[in-house]
Amino acid sequence: MGKKILIFKVLFLFMSVILNSKSYAQNCYEKEDKIKEKKVPYRAKKWIESLSLKRVKWFIEQDCKEILIEAQVNIEHEKCNIEFDTLGYFLVLEQHMNFLELKDSIRFKITHYFEAHYPKFKVLKTQKHWINSNNVNQEKKYWGAHLLSPYLYELTLSCKKDGQFLVLDVLISLQGNFITEEEIILSIDENLEY
């Protein structure tokens, strides 16, 4: 029964995206639903169990590209989202941080880029992404028993351009260089103050 509901939700989401999509491909619909631990893949549960955490919130996250399993946790007072594929393989640890915690040089490059493209903007969320890496020259940090390396920054911002309100998801390199941006299409029941 639960599998039929999940298939129906995925089909409904797919049809909603197809019917409501605009003519350019950089828009992205996002949907996140809480799930019970029994629906979480075994590998993902084992990865999280190795952190010995007291509290874990599990979600299924769907956007225009993929379906992910996400664990929302606190690791040593750090708020983090840990993403897995649908088979439970680790993809990325997203460490929440304050935009002002970025190095001054990186923050300046990011601010300069956005001021040039969006006269009015506000950073809503800043995350540093950590992945498995074999690069010996790269910074590394233990997250529980897992040795990870920083990969990039992800910023969510609200802005106005040509009189339109936009919410953007922007990827920035560790050096502060722009990688890509996607417009996030909010559902009617989501409200963000600008």
N, C-alpha and C. Protein backbone atom coordinates (compact mmCIF):
# COMPACT_ATOMS: atom_id res chain seq x y z
N MET A 1 0.82 -1.19 0.00
CA MET A 1 0.00 0.00 0.00
C MET A 1 0.87 1.26 0.00
N GLY A 2 1.91 1.30 0.88
CA GLY A 2 2.79 2.46 0.96
C GLY A 2 3.55 2.70 -0.33
N LYS A 3 3.91 1.61 -1.02
CA LYS A 3 4.63 1.72 -2.28
C LYS A 3 3.75 2.37 -3.34
N LYS A 4 2.47 2.03 -3.35
CA LYS A 4 1.53 2.61 -4.30
C LYS A 4 1.38 4.11 -4.06
N ILE A 5 1.33 4.50 -2.78
CA ILE A 5 1.22 5.93 -2.46
C ILE A 5 2.46 6.67 -2.91
N LEU A 6 3.66 6.11 -2.68
CA LEU A 6 4.90 6.74 -3.11
C LEU A 6 4.94 6.88 -4.62
N ILE A 7 4.54 5.83 -5.34
CA ILE A 7 4.52 5.89 -6.81
C ILE A 7 3.55 6.96 -7.26
N PHE A 8 2.37 7.04 -6.61
CA PHE A 8 1.39 8.05 -6.97
C PHE A 8 1.95 9.45 -6.74
N LYS A 9 2.65 9.67 -5.59
CA LYS A 9 3.23 10.98 -5.29
C LYS A 9 4.28 11.36 -6.33
N VAL A 10 5.13 10.41 -6.69
CA VAL A 10 6.17 10.68 -7.69
C VAL A 10 5.54 11.01 -9.03
N LEU A 11 4.53 10.24 -9.43
CA LEU A 11 3.83 10.48 -10.70
C LEU A 11 3.14 11.84 -10.67
N PHE A 12 2.49 12.17 -9.55
CA PHE A 12 1.82 13.46 -9.42
C PHE A 12 2.83 14.60 -9.52
N LEU A 13 3.98 14.47 -8.83
CA LEU A 13 5.01 15.49 -8.89
C LEU A 13 5.54 15.65 -10.31
N PHE A 14 5.78 14.53 -10.98
CA PHE A 14 6.27 14.56 -12.35
C PHE A 14 5.29 15.29 -13.27
N MET A 15 4.01 14.97 -13.16
CA MET A 15 2.99 15.61 -14.00
C MET A 15 2.86 17.09 -13.67
N SER A 16 2.97 17.44 -12.39
CA SER A 16 2.91 18.86 -12.00
C SER A 16 4.05 19.64 -12.62
N VAL A 17 5.24 19.06 -12.60
CA VAL A 17 6.40 19.73 -13.20
C VAL A 17 6.21 19.91 -14.70
N ILE A 18 5.76 18.85 -15.37
CA ILE A 18 5.55 18.92 -16.82
C ILE A 18 4.51 19.97 -17.18
N LEU A 19 3.38 19.97 -16.48
CA LEU A 19 2.29 20.87 -16.82
C LEU A 19 2.57 22.32 -16.44
N ASN A 20 3.39 22.54 -15.40
CA ASN A 20 3.62 23.90 -14.93
C ASN A 20 4.98 24.46 -15.30
N SER A 21 5.77 23.73 -16.05
CA SER A 21 7.13 24.20 -16.34
C SER A 21 7.11 25.38 -17.30
N LYS A 22 8.09 26.25 -17.11
CA LYS A 22 8.25 27.39 -18.01
C LYS A 22 9.16 26.95 -19.16
N SER A 23 9.42 27.87 -20.06
CA SER A 23 10.16 27.51 -21.27
C SER A 23 11.66 27.39 -21.04
N TYR A 24 12.20 27.79 -19.90
CA TYR A 24 13.62 27.64 -19.67
C TYR A 24 13.87 26.61 -18.60
N ALA A 25 15.01 25.93 -18.69
CA ALA A 25 15.25 24.72 -17.90
C ALA A 25 15.92 24.98 -16.57
N GLN A 26 16.19 26.23 -16.21
CA GLN A 26 16.88 26.47 -14.96
C GLN A 26 15.93 26.70 -13.80
N ASN A 27 14.66 26.38 -13.95
CA ASN A 27 13.71 26.43 -12.85
C ASN A 27 13.69 25.07 -12.17
N CYS A 28 13.41 25.08 -10.90
CA CYS A 28 13.42 23.82 -10.18
C CYS A 28 12.32 23.82 -9.13
N TYR A 29 11.49 22.81 -9.15
CA TYR A 29 10.47 22.61 -8.14
C TYR A 29 11.06 21.72 -7.05
N GLU A 30 10.82 22.08 -5.82
CA GLU A 30 11.31 21.27 -4.71
C GLU A 30 10.16 20.89 -3.80
N LYS A 31 10.22 19.66 -3.32
CA LYS A 31 9.22 19.17 -2.38
C LYS A 31 9.94 18.28 -1.38
N GLU A 32 9.63 18.49 -0.11
CA GLU A 32 10.26 17.71 0.95
C GLU A 32 9.17 17.21 1.89
N ASP A 33 9.16 15.91 2.13
CA ASP A 33 8.18 15.30 3.02
C ASP A 33 8.89 14.48 4.08
N LYS A 34 8.37 14.54 5.30
CA LYS A 34 8.93 13.74 6.38
C LYS A 34 8.57 12.28 6.14
N ILE A 35 9.52 11.38 6.44
CA ILE A 35 9.26 9.94 6.32
C ILE A 35 9.65 9.24 7.61
N LYS A 36 9.09 8.07 7.82
CA LYS A 36 9.42 7.27 9.00
C LYS A 36 10.72 6.52 8.75
N GLU A 37 11.44 6.27 9.84
CA GLU A 37 12.74 5.61 9.74
C GLU A 37 12.65 4.25 9.05
N LYS A 38 11.55 3.54 9.20
CA LYS A 38 11.42 2.22 8.58
C LYS A 38 11.43 2.30 7.04
N LYS A 39 11.21 3.50 6.47
CA LYS A 39 11.23 3.67 5.02
C LYS A 39 12.60 4.13 4.51
N VAL A 40 13.54 4.30 5.43
CA VAL A 40 14.89 4.77 5.08
C VAL A 40 15.74 3.57 4.67
N PRO A 41 16.49 3.69 3.57
CA PRO A 41 17.37 2.58 3.17
C PRO A 41 18.38 2.20 4.26
N TYR A 42 18.66 0.91 4.33
CA TYR A 42 19.55 0.35 5.36
C TYR A 42 20.90 1.06 5.40
N ARG A 43 21.52 1.28 4.24
CA ARG A 43 22.86 1.90 4.20
C ARG A 43 22.84 3.29 4.83
N ALA A 44 21.79 4.06 4.54
CA ALA A 44 21.69 5.41 5.09
C ALA A 44 21.55 5.35 6.62
N LYS A 45 20.73 4.44 7.11
CA LYS A 45 20.57 4.29 8.56
C LYS A 45 21.90 3.92 9.22
N LYS A 46 22.65 3.01 8.61
CA LYS A 46 23.95 2.59 9.17
C LYS A 46 24.94 3.75 9.19
N TRP A 47 24.95 4.56 8.14
CA TRP A 47 25.85 5.72 8.06
C TRP A 47 25.53 6.68 9.21
N ILE A 48 24.25 6.94 9.42
CA ILE A 48 23.83 7.85 10.48
C ILE A 48 24.08 7.24 11.86
N GLU A 49 23.82 5.95 12.01
CA GLU A 49 24.06 5.29 13.30
C GLU A 49 25.51 5.41 13.74
N SER A 50 26.45 5.44 12.79
CA SER A 50 27.86 5.56 13.12
C SER A 50 28.19 6.90 13.78
N LEU A 51 27.29 7.87 13.68
CA LEU A 51 27.50 9.18 14.30
C LEU A 51 27.05 9.22 15.75
N SER A 52 26.32 8.20 16.19
CA SER A 52 25.80 8.12 17.56
C SER A 52 25.03 9.38 17.96
N LEU A 53 24.06 9.73 17.17
CA LEU A 53 23.26 10.92 17.42
C LEU A 53 22.01 10.58 18.23
N LYS A 54 21.53 11.55 18.99
CA LYS A 54 20.33 11.34 19.79
C LYS A 54 19.07 11.50 18.95
N ARG A 55 19.10 12.41 18.00
CA ARG A 55 17.87 12.74 17.26
C ARG A 55 18.17 12.88 15.78
N VAL A 56 17.34 12.23 14.97
CA VAL A 56 17.46 12.30 13.51
C VAL A 56 16.06 12.48 12.94
N LYS A 57 15.91 13.44 12.05
CA LYS A 57 14.65 13.62 11.31
C LYS A 57 14.91 13.19 9.87
N TRP A 58 14.07 12.30 9.36
CA TRP A 58 14.24 11.77 8.00
C TRP A 58 13.23 12.40 7.05
N PHE A 59 13.70 12.71 5.83
CA PHE A 59 12.86 13.31 4.81
C PHE A 59 13.14 12.68 3.45
N ILE A 60 12.16 12.75 2.57
CA ILE A 60 12.38 12.43 1.17
C ILE A 60 12.26 13.76 0.44
N GLU A 61 13.26 14.07 -0.35
CA GLU A 61 13.34 15.34 -1.05
C GLU A 61 13.27 15.08 -2.54
N GLN A 62 12.36 15.76 -3.20
CA GLN A 62 12.18 15.59 -4.64
C GLN A 62 12.32 16.94 -5.31
N ASP A 63 13.09 16.97 -6.37
CA ASP A 63 13.16 18.18 -7.18
C ASP A 63 13.09 17.78 -8.64
N CYS A 64 13.41 18.70 -9.52
CA CYS A 64 13.25 18.43 -10.95
C CYS A 64 14.27 17.44 -11.50
N LYS A 65 15.29 17.10 -10.70
CA LYS A 65 16.34 16.20 -11.19
C LYS A 65 16.37 14.84 -10.52
N GLU A 66 16.05 14.79 -9.23
CA GLU A 66 16.29 13.55 -8.51
C GLU A 66 15.43 13.43 -7.26
N ILE A 67 15.45 12.25 -6.70
CA ILE A 67 14.81 11.97 -5.42
C ILE A 67 15.92 11.58 -4.45
N LEU A 68 15.93 12.21 -3.28
CA LEU A 68 16.97 11.97 -2.29
C LEU A 68 16.35 11.63 -0.94
N ILE A 69 17.12 10.94 -0.13
CA ILE A 69 16.78 10.71 1.27
C ILE A 69 17.66 11.66 2.08
N GLU A 70 17.05 12.39 3.01
CA GLU A 70 17.80 13.38 3.77
C GLU A 70 17.60 13.16 5.27
N ALA A 71 18.70 13.22 5.99
CA ALA A 71 18.67 13.18 7.45
C ALA A 71 19.02 14.57 7.96
N GLN A 72 18.17 15.12 8.80
CA GLN A 72 18.46 16.41 9.44
C GLN A 72 18.94 16.11 10.84
N VAL A 73 20.17 16.57 11.14
CA VAL A 73 20.82 16.22 12.40
C VAL A 73 21.60 17.40 12.96
N ASN A 74 22.03 17.26 14.20
CA ASN A 74 23.00 18.17 14.81
C ASN A 74 24.22 17.33 15.18
N ILE A 75 25.37 17.73 14.66
CA ILE A 75 26.63 17.04 14.95
C ILE A 75 27.52 18.04 15.67
N GLU A 76 27.80 17.77 16.94
CA GLU A 76 28.65 18.66 17.74
C GLU A 76 28.20 20.12 17.61
N HIS A 77 26.92 20.36 17.80
CA HIS A 77 26.28 21.68 17.75
C HIS A 77 26.28 22.30 16.35
N GLU A 78 26.52 21.51 15.34
CA GLU A 78 26.46 21.98 13.95
C GLU A 78 25.19 21.42 13.32
N LYS A 79 24.32 22.29 12.81
CA LYS A 79 23.12 21.83 12.13
C LYS A 79 23.53 21.37 10.73
N CYS A 80 23.14 20.13 10.39
CA CYS A 80 23.54 19.53 9.12
C CYS A 80 22.39 18.78 8.46
N ASN A 81 22.41 18.75 7.15
CA ASN A 81 21.56 17.86 6.36
C ASN A 81 22.50 16.88 5.69
N ILE A 82 22.18 15.60 5.78
CA ILE A 82 23.01 14.58 5.15
C ILE A 82 22.15 13.90 4.09
N GLU A 83 22.61 13.94 2.85
CA GLU A 83 21.82 13.42 1.74
C GLU A 83 22.37 12.08 1.24
N PHE A 84 21.42 11.21 0.90
CA PHE A 84 21.72 9.88 0.38
C PHE A 84 20.88 9.66 -0.88
N ASP A 85 21.36 8.78 -1.76
CA ASP A 85 20.52 8.41 -2.89
C ASP A 85 19.44 7.45 -2.39
N THR A 86 18.56 7.03 -3.27
CA THR A 86 17.44 6.19 -2.85
C THR A 86 17.86 4.78 -2.44
N LEU A 87 19.12 4.40 -2.71
CA LEU A 87 19.64 3.11 -2.26
C LEU A 87 20.37 3.24 -0.92
N GLY A 88 20.52 4.48 -0.45
CA GLY A 88 21.16 4.71 0.85
C GLY A 88 22.63 5.06 0.78
N TYR A 89 23.19 5.27 -0.41
CA TYR A 89 24.60 5.65 -0.54
C TYR A 89 24.77 7.13 -0.21
N PHE A 90 25.80 7.43 0.59
CA PHE A 90 26.10 8.80 1.00
C PHE A 90 26.43 9.66 -0.22
N LEU A 91 25.86 10.86 -0.26
CA LEU A 91 26.15 11.81 -1.33
C LEU A 91 26.88 13.04 -0.80
N VAL A 92 26.29 13.71 0.19
CA VAL A 92 26.86 14.97 0.66
C VAL A 92 26.36 15.29 2.05
N LEU A 93 27.22 15.95 2.84
CA LEU A 93 26.84 16.51 4.13
C LEU A 93 26.79 18.02 3.93
N GLU A 94 25.64 18.62 4.23
CA GLU A 94 25.46 20.06 4.08
C GLU A 94 25.50 20.69 5.47
N GLN A 95 26.56 21.43 5.74
CA GLN A 95 26.75 22.10 7.03
C GLN A 95 26.14 23.49 6.95
N HIS A 96 25.13 23.77 7.79
CA HIS A 96 24.52 25.10 7.82
C HIS A 96 25.49 26.07 8.47
N MET A 97 25.55 27.27 7.92
CA MET A 97 26.42 28.28 8.49
C MET A 97 25.84 29.66 8.23
N ASN A 98 26.37 30.65 8.90
CA ASN A 98 25.97 32.03 8.69
C ASN A 98 26.80 32.58 7.54
N PHE A 99 26.18 33.35 6.66
CA PHE A 99 26.89 33.96 5.52
C PHE A 99 28.11 34.75 6.00
N LEU A 100 28.01 35.38 7.16
CA LEU A 100 29.12 36.18 7.68
C LEU A 100 30.31 35.33 8.15
N GLU A 101 30.12 34.02 8.28
CA GLU A 101 31.22 33.12 8.66
C GLU A 101 32.17 32.82 7.50
N LEU A 102 31.76 33.13 6.28
CA LEU A 102 32.64 32.92 5.13
C LEU A 102 33.83 33.86 5.23
N LYS A 103 34.96 33.46 4.65
CA LYS A 103 36.14 34.33 4.61
C LYS A 103 35.75 35.64 3.93
N ASP A 104 36.34 36.74 4.38
CA ASP A 104 36.01 38.06 3.83
C ASP A 104 36.17 38.10 2.31
N SER A 105 37.26 37.51 1.79
CA SER A 105 37.52 37.56 0.35
C SER A 105 36.44 36.81 -0.44
N ILE A 106 35.98 35.69 0.09
CA ILE A 106 34.94 34.90 -0.58
C ILE A 106 33.61 35.63 -0.49
N ARG A 107 33.29 36.15 0.69
CA ARG A 107 32.04 36.88 0.88
C ARG A 107 32.00 38.11 -0.04
N PHE A 108 33.13 38.80 -0.19
CA PHE A 108 33.19 39.96 -1.07
C PHE A 108 32.90 39.57 -2.53
N LYS A 109 33.52 38.49 -3.01
CA LYS A 109 33.29 38.05 -4.40
C LYS A 109 31.83 37.68 -4.63
N ILE A 110 31.25 36.97 -3.66
CA ILE A 110 29.85 36.56 -3.79
C ILE A 110 28.94 37.80 -3.79
N THR A 111 29.15 38.69 -2.84
CA THR A 111 28.33 39.90 -2.74
C THR A 111 28.46 40.75 -4.00
N HIS A 112 29.67 40.90 -4.50
CA HIS A 112 29.91 41.68 -5.72
C HIS A 112 29.16 41.08 -6.90
N TYR A 113 29.21 39.76 -7.02
CA TYR A 113 28.50 39.08 -8.12
C TYR A 113 27.00 39.34 -8.04
N PHE A 114 26.41 39.16 -6.85
CA PHE A 114 24.96 39.33 -6.73
C PHE A 114 24.54 40.77 -6.90
N GLU A 115 25.32 41.72 -6.37
CA GLU A 115 24.98 43.14 -6.55
C GLU A 115 24.98 43.53 -8.01
N ALA A 116 25.86 42.92 -8.81
CA ALA A 116 25.91 43.22 -10.24
C ALA A 116 24.71 42.66 -10.99
N HIS A 117 24.14 41.54 -10.51
CA HIS A 117 23.05 40.88 -11.22
C HIS A 117 21.67 41.13 -10.62
N TYR A 118 21.61 41.39 -9.32
CA TYR A 118 20.35 41.57 -8.62
C TYR A 118 20.47 42.78 -7.69
N PRO A 119 19.87 43.91 -8.08
CA PRO A 119 20.03 45.14 -7.29
C PRO A 119 19.60 44.99 -5.83
N LYS A 120 18.63 44.11 -5.58
CA LYS A 120 18.18 43.91 -4.21
C LYS A 120 18.13 42.41 -3.95
N PHE A 121 18.91 41.95 -2.95
CA PHE A 121 18.91 40.52 -2.63
C PHE A 121 19.14 40.32 -1.14
N LYS A 122 18.75 39.13 -0.65
CA LYS A 122 18.95 38.77 0.74
C LYS A 122 19.34 37.30 0.79
N VAL A 123 20.44 36.99 1.48
CA VAL A 123 20.86 35.60 1.63
C VAL A 123 20.00 34.97 2.71
N LEU A 124 19.26 33.91 2.34
CA LEU A 124 18.37 33.22 3.28
C LEU A 124 19.06 32.07 3.97
N LYS A 125 19.94 31.38 3.25
CA LYS A 125 20.58 30.18 3.80
C LYS A 125 21.96 30.02 3.17
N THR A 126 22.92 29.61 3.97
CA THR A 126 24.28 29.33 3.50
C THR A 126 24.67 27.95 4.01
N GLN A 127 25.20 27.13 3.11
CA GLN A 127 25.64 25.79 3.48
C GLN A 127 27.01 25.52 2.86
N LYS A 128 27.83 24.80 3.61
CA LYS A 128 29.09 24.30 3.09
C LYS A 128 28.91 22.81 2.86
N HIS A 129 29.20 22.33 1.66
CA HIS A 129 29.01 20.93 1.31
C HIS A 129 30.31 20.16 1.54
N TRP A 130 30.18 18.97 2.14
CA TRP A 130 31.30 18.09 2.44
C TRP A 130 31.05 16.75 1.75
N ILE A 131 32.10 16.20 1.12
CA ILE A 131 31.98 14.93 0.39
C ILE A 131 33.15 14.01 0.76
N ASN A 132 33.04 12.73 0.36
CA ASN A 132 34.19 11.83 0.44
C ASN A 132 35.19 12.27 -0.61
N SER A 133 36.45 12.35 -0.25
CA SER A 133 37.46 12.77 -1.21
C SER A 133 38.79 12.09 -0.89
N ASN A 134 39.48 11.66 -1.95
CA ASN A 134 40.81 11.06 -1.79
C ASN A 134 41.92 12.05 -2.06
N ASN A 135 41.57 13.31 -2.31
CA ASN A 135 42.56 14.35 -2.60
C ASN A 135 43.34 14.67 -1.31
N VAL A 136 44.63 14.31 -1.30
CA VAL A 136 45.44 14.48 -0.08
C VAL A 136 45.75 15.94 0.20
N ASN A 137 45.66 16.82 -0.79
CA ASN A 137 45.98 18.23 -0.60
C ASN A 137 44.78 19.05 -0.13
N GLN A 138 43.68 18.41 0.07
CA GLN A 138 42.46 19.11 0.41
C GLN A 138 42.22 19.07 1.92
N GLU A 139 41.63 20.15 2.44
CA GLU A 139 41.22 20.19 3.85
C GLU A 139 40.30 19.01 4.14
N LYS A 140 40.41 18.45 5.33
CA LYS A 140 39.55 17.34 5.72
C LYS A 140 39.07 17.56 7.14
N LYS A 141 37.92 16.99 7.46
CA LYS A 141 37.37 17.09 8.81
C LYS A 141 36.61 15.82 9.12
N TYR A 142 36.74 15.35 10.34
CA TYR A 142 35.97 14.19 10.76
C TYR A 142 34.57 14.64 11.18
N TRP A 143 33.57 13.99 10.61
CA TRP A 143 32.18 14.14 11.02
C TRP A 143 31.82 12.77 11.59
N GLY A 144 31.93 12.64 12.92
CA GLY A 144 31.80 11.32 13.53
C GLY A 144 32.97 10.47 13.05
N ALA A 145 32.68 9.32 12.49
CA ALA A 145 33.71 8.40 12.00
C ALA A 145 34.04 8.65 10.53
N HIS A 146 33.45 9.65 9.92
CA HIS A 146 33.58 9.87 8.47
C HIS A 146 34.50 11.06 8.19
N LEU A 147 35.58 10.83 7.45
CA LEU A 147 36.51 11.87 7.07
C LEU A 147 36.05 12.46 5.74
N LEU A 148 35.66 13.74 5.77
CA LEU A 148 35.10 14.39 4.58
C LEU A 148 35.89 15.65 4.24
N SER A 149 35.76 16.08 2.98
CA SER A 149 36.42 17.28 2.49
C SER A 149 35.38 18.28 2.00
N PRO A 150 35.66 19.59 2.19
CA PRO A 150 34.72 20.58 1.68
C PRO A 150 34.71 20.55 0.16
N TYR A 151 33.56 20.83 -0.41
CA TYR A 151 33.39 20.71 -1.86
C TYR A 151 32.96 22.04 -2.49
N LEU A 152 31.93 22.66 -1.94
CA LEU A 152 31.44 23.93 -2.46
C LEU A 152 30.50 24.56 -1.45
N TYR A 153 30.04 25.78 -1.77
CA TYR A 153 29.04 26.46 -0.96
C TYR A 153 27.72 26.49 -1.74
N GLU A 154 26.63 26.38 -0.99
CA GLU A 154 25.30 26.53 -1.59
C GLU A 154 24.59 27.66 -0.86
N LEU A 155 24.10 28.63 -1.61
CA LEU A 155 23.36 29.74 -1.01
C LEU A 155 21.95 29.75 -1.56
N THR A 156 21.00 30.03 -0.70
CA THR A 156 19.63 30.27 -1.13
C THR A 156 19.38 31.74 -0.86
N LEU A 157 18.90 32.45 -1.86
CA LEU A 157 18.66 33.87 -1.66
C LEU A 157 17.36 34.30 -2.30
N SER A 158 16.79 35.33 -1.74
CA SER A 158 15.62 35.96 -2.34
C SER A 158 16.10 37.24 -2.99
N CYS A 159 15.50 37.58 -4.10
CA CYS A 159 15.92 38.79 -4.81
C CYS A 159 14.78 39.31 -5.67
N LYS A 160 14.96 40.51 -6.14
CA LYS A 160 14.03 41.09 -7.09
C LYS A 160 14.81 41.47 -8.33
N LYS A 161 14.24 41.09 -9.47
CA LYS A 161 14.85 41.46 -10.74
C LYS A 161 13.72 41.79 -11.70
N ASP A 162 13.81 42.94 -12.32
CA ASP A 162 12.78 43.40 -13.24
C ASP A 162 11.40 43.37 -12.59
N GLY A 163 11.34 43.75 -11.32
CA GLY A 163 10.08 43.81 -10.59
C GLY A 163 9.53 42.47 -10.14
N GLN A 164 10.24 41.39 -10.42
CA GLN A 164 9.77 40.05 -10.03
C GLN A 164 10.54 39.55 -8.82
N PHE A 165 9.80 38.91 -7.90
CA PHE A 165 10.40 38.27 -6.74
C PHE A 165 10.90 36.89 -7.16
N LEU A 166 12.14 36.56 -6.83
CA LEU A 166 12.73 35.26 -7.17
C LEU A 166 13.37 34.65 -5.93
N VAL A 167 13.38 33.33 -5.87
CA VAL A 167 14.18 32.60 -4.88
C VAL A 167 15.15 31.76 -5.70
N LEU A 168 16.43 31.92 -5.42
CA LEU A 168 17.47 31.24 -6.19
C LEU A 168 18.28 30.31 -5.31
N ASP A 169 18.69 29.20 -5.88
CA ASP A 169 19.63 28.28 -5.26
C ASP A 169 20.92 28.41 -6.07
N VAL A 170 22.00 28.85 -5.42
CA VAL A 170 23.23 29.19 -6.13
C VAL A 170 24.38 28.36 -5.59
N LEU A 171 25.16 27.77 -6.49
CA LEU A 171 26.36 27.02 -6.11
C LEU A 171 27.59 27.88 -6.37
N ILE A 172 28.47 27.94 -5.36
CA ILE A 172 29.67 28.77 -5.40
C ILE A 172 30.86 27.88 -5.06
N SER A 173 31.97 28.04 -5.78
CA SER A 173 33.17 27.25 -5.49
C SER A 173 33.76 27.68 -4.14
N LEU A 174 34.67 26.87 -3.63
CA LEU A 174 35.33 27.21 -2.36
C LEU A 174 36.15 28.49 -2.46
N GLN A 175 36.49 28.89 -3.68
CA GLN A 175 37.24 30.12 -3.90
C GLN A 175 36.32 31.32 -4.08
N GLY A 176 34.99 31.09 -4.09
CA GLY A 176 34.03 32.18 -4.22
C GLY A 176 33.56 32.43 -5.64
N ASN A 177 33.87 31.54 -6.56
CA ASN A 177 33.46 31.73 -7.96
C ASN A 177 32.07 31.12 -8.21
N PHE A 178 31.29 31.81 -8.99
CA PHE A 178 29.95 31.36 -9.36
C PHE A 178 30.04 30.08 -10.18
N ILE A 179 29.20 29.08 -9.85
CA ILE A 179 29.12 27.84 -10.63
C ILE A 179 27.81 27.79 -11.40
N THR A 180 26.69 27.85 -10.66
CA THR A 180 25.39 27.78 -11.32
C THR A 180 24.32 28.33 -10.40
N GLU A 181 23.18 28.68 -10.99
CA GLU A 181 22.02 29.10 -10.20
C GLU A 181 20.76 28.51 -10.80
N GLU A 182 19.80 28.21 -9.94
CA GLU A 182 18.51 27.72 -10.36
C GLU A 182 17.44 28.49 -9.62
N GLU A 183 16.39 28.82 -10.32
CA GLU A 183 15.25 29.45 -9.66
C GLU A 183 14.44 28.35 -8.98
N ILE A 184 14.08 28.58 -7.74
CA ILE A 184 13.23 27.65 -7.00
C ILE A 184 11.80 28.13 -7.11
N ILE A 185 10.94 27.29 -7.62
CA ILE A 185 9.53 27.63 -7.75
C ILE A 185 8.83 27.18 -6.48
N LEU A 186 8.32 28.14 -5.73
CA LEU A 186 7.66 27.82 -4.47
C LEU A 186 6.21 27.43 -4.71
N SER A 187 5.73 26.49 -3.93
CA SER A 187 4.32 26.14 -4.00
C SER A 187 3.52 27.24 -3.31
N ILE A 188 2.23 27.25 -3.52
CA ILE A 188 1.37 28.30 -2.99
C ILE A 188 1.44 28.37 -1.48
N ASP A 189 1.61 27.25 -0.80
CA ASP A 189 1.59 27.26 0.66
C ASP A 189 2.93 27.60 1.30
N GLU A 190 3.97 27.86 0.52
CA GLU A 190 5.26 28.25 1.07
C GLU A 190 5.35 29.77 1.06
N ASN A 191 5.73 30.34 2.17
CA ASN A 191 5.85 31.80 2.27
C ASN A 191 7.24 32.14 2.75
N LEU A 192 7.89 33.06 2.04
CA LEU A 192 9.17 33.59 2.46
C LEU A 192 9.03 35.10 2.51
N GLU A 193 9.46 35.69 3.61
CA GLU A 193 9.39 37.14 3.70
C GLU A 193 10.56 37.74 2.94
N TYR A 194 10.29 38.84 2.27
CA TYR A 194 11.37 39.53 1.57
C TYR A 194 11.61 40.85 2.22
